[in-house]
Amino acid sequence: MYRFTLIWLSSTILFQSFNFGLVDVFRIDELIEHRSFHFDEYGDNFIVFLSKHYGELKQEHSKKHQEEKEDHQKLPFKHQLGASSSLVFFLDQAPIQILKIEVFLDRNSNFFYKEPYSLFEKPRVFQPPKLA
């Protein structure tokens, strides 16, 4: 169970780092359509297509083909996030060391209080009879 939990958490963090969302799943058809457009117009294979939209040739392709800018924004995996977060936790099986804390008691206090009555002394009415 321990290994399964670690594998599950590690894979969750890995997939989240790819920045893959449900919106990207719905935009896969746009990717396929735009890929077929590139194959028909420019004769690009899939590797060149990926390089033009996600890799080294991205800037050059976007400068030459401004008319496709709207189509490029509809492609999946084009969103960028400015925030990042990370989850870090450590599991340590080392024994816990408890530190002894010295308690300081101040015996020289100037406070004195004496109760005016005691609950242990019962009034005469509630005492048992003395003569039987």
Protein backbone atom coordinates (compact mmCIF):
# COMPACT_ATOMS: atom_id res chain seq x y z
CA MET A 1 0.00 0.00 0.00
CA TYR A 2 2.89 2.31 0.83
CA ARG A 3 4.53 1.82 -2.57
CA PHE A 4 1.24 2.25 -4.41
CA THR A 5 0.66 5.59 -2.68
CA LEU A 6 4.14 6.82 -3.58
CA ILE A 7 3.79 5.72 -7.20
CA TRP A 8 0.37 7.34 -7.47
CA LEU A 9 1.55 10.66 -5.99
CA SER A 10 4.69 10.69 -8.15
CA SER A 11 2.74 10.02 -11.34
CA THR A 12 0.17 12.69 -10.44
CA ILE A 13 2.90 15.27 -9.98
CA LEU A 14 4.56 14.14 -13.23
CA PHE A 15 1.36 14.48 -15.29
CA GLN A 16 0.57 17.86 -13.73
CA SER A 17 4.03 19.08 -14.67
CA PHE A 18 3.21 18.38 -18.34
CA ASN A 19 0.44 20.99 -17.97
CA PHE A 20 -2.03 18.67 -19.68
CA GLY A 21 -5.67 19.58 -19.10
CA LEU A 22 -9.14 18.55 -20.17
CA VAL A 23 -9.34 21.54 -22.55
CA ASP A 24 -6.35 20.11 -24.42
CA VAL A 25 -8.19 16.81 -24.91
CA PHE A 26 -11.07 18.64 -26.57
CA ARG A 27 -8.65 20.53 -28.85
CA ILE A 28 -6.99 17.42 -30.28
CA ASP A 29 -9.34 17.58 -33.31
CA GLU A 30 -8.01 21.10 -34.04
CA LEU A 31 -4.50 19.64 -33.98
CA ILE A 32 -5.42 16.87 -36.43
CA GLU A 33 -7.22 19.31 -38.74
CA HIS A 34 -4.31 21.78 -38.73
CA ARG A 35 -1.83 18.94 -39.29
CA SER A 36 -3.73 17.79 -42.38
CA PHE A 37 -3.76 21.41 -43.61
CA HIS A 38 0.05 21.54 -43.29
CA PHE A 39 0.41 18.21 -45.06
CA ASP A 40 -1.75 19.41 -47.99
CA GLU A 41 -0.29 22.94 -48.27
CA TYR A 42 3.38 22.53 -47.34
CA GLY A 43 3.97 18.76 -47.49
CA ASP A 44 5.10 18.70 -43.84
CA ASN A 45 5.32 15.39 -42.05
CA PHE A 46 4.21 15.13 -38.41
CA ILE A 47 7.67 15.79 -36.94
CA VAL A 48 8.13 18.99 -38.98
CA PHE A 49 4.59 20.06 -38.05
CA LEU A 50 5.35 19.63 -34.34
CA SER A 51 8.61 21.52 -34.74
CA LYS A 52 6.82 24.41 -36.46
CA HIS A 53 4.20 24.74 -33.74
CA TYR A 54 5.90 23.54 -30.56
CA GLY A 55 9.64 23.37 -31.26
CA GLU A 56 12.58 25.12 -32.87
CA LEU A 57 10.80 26.39 -35.98
CA LYS A 58 7.92 27.98 -34.03
CA GLN A 59 9.10 31.61 -34.21
CA GLU A 60 10.03 31.42 -37.87
CA HIS A 61 6.70 29.80 -38.79
CA SER A 62 4.63 32.32 -36.82
CA LYS A 63 6.46 35.25 -38.50
CA LYS A 64 5.97 33.90 -42.04
CA HIS A 65 2.34 32.85 -41.62
CA GLN A 66 0.48 35.57 -39.72
CA GLU A 67 -2.78 34.56 -41.44
CA GLU A 68 -2.74 31.27 -39.46
CA LYS A 69 -2.34 33.01 -36.09
CA GLU A 70 -5.96 32.40 -35.08
CA ASP A 71 -5.66 28.70 -35.95
CA HIS A 72 -2.42 28.44 -33.99
CA GLN A 73 -4.08 29.80 -30.86
CA LYS A 74 -6.74 27.06 -31.04
CA LEU A 75 -4.15 24.28 -30.93
CA PRO A 76 -3.80 22.28 -27.70
CA PHE A 77 -0.95 22.83 -25.24
CA LYS A 78 -0.67 26.52 -26.16
CA HIS A 79 -1.63 27.92 -22.77
CA GLN A 80 1.03 29.24 -20.47
CA LEU A 81 0.79 29.64 -16.75
CA GLY A 82 2.64 32.30 -14.83
CA ALA A 83 2.33 30.55 -11.51
CA SER A 84 3.96 27.41 -10.30
CA SER A 85 3.43 25.35 -7.23
CA SER A 86 5.05 22.32 -5.82
CA LEU A 87 4.18 19.82 -3.17
CA VAL A 88 7.04 18.54 -1.11
CA PHE A 89 6.81 16.19 1.81
CA PHE A 90 9.25 13.88 3.47
CA LEU A 91 8.61 10.50 4.99
CA ASP A 92 11.23 9.72 7.55
CA GLN A 93 11.27 6.57 9.58
CA ALA A 94 13.92 7.76 12.02
CA PRO A 95 12.94 7.64 15.69
CA ILE A 96 11.59 10.84 17.14
CA GLN A 97 13.80 12.37 19.80
CA ILE A 98 11.95 14.06 22.62
CA LEU A 99 13.79 16.91 24.25
CA LYS A 100 13.56 17.34 28.00
CA ILE A 101 12.33 20.77 28.93
CA GLU A 102 13.24 22.10 32.32
CA VAL A 103 10.27 23.66 34.05
CA PHE A 104 10.97 26.77 36.09
CA LEU A 105 8.74 27.23 39.12
CA ASP A 106 8.79 30.53 40.95
CA ARG A 107 8.36 29.73 44.65
CA ASN A 108 8.90 33.32 45.78
CA SER A 109 5.47 34.68 45.04
CA ASN A 110 3.88 37.55 46.94
CA PHE A 111 0.38 36.18 46.52
CA PHE A 112 -1.47 34.65 49.48
CA TYR A 113 -5.14 33.73 49.57
CA LYS A 114 -7.14 32.02 52.31
CA GLU A 115 -10.68 30.91 51.73
CA PRO A 116 -13.20 32.40 54.12
CA TYR A 117 -15.00 29.05 54.41
CA SER A 118 -14.41 25.44 53.60
CA LEU A 119 -16.70 23.03 51.82
CA PHE A 120 -15.41 20.15 53.94
CA GLU A 121 -16.99 21.50 57.14
CA LYS A 122 -20.67 20.68 57.27
CA PRO A 123 -23.14 22.86 59.17
CA ARG A 124 -24.55 21.29 62.39
CA VAL A 125 -27.90 20.61 60.79
CA PHE A 126 -26.44 18.09 58.39
CA GLN A 127 -24.32 16.21 61.00
CA PRO A 128 -25.35 12.70 62.12
CA PRO A 129 -27.07 12.46 65.53
CA LYS A 130 -24.65 12.18 68.48
CA LEU A 131 -26.99 10.32 70.84
CA ALA A 132 -28.81 7.21 69.80
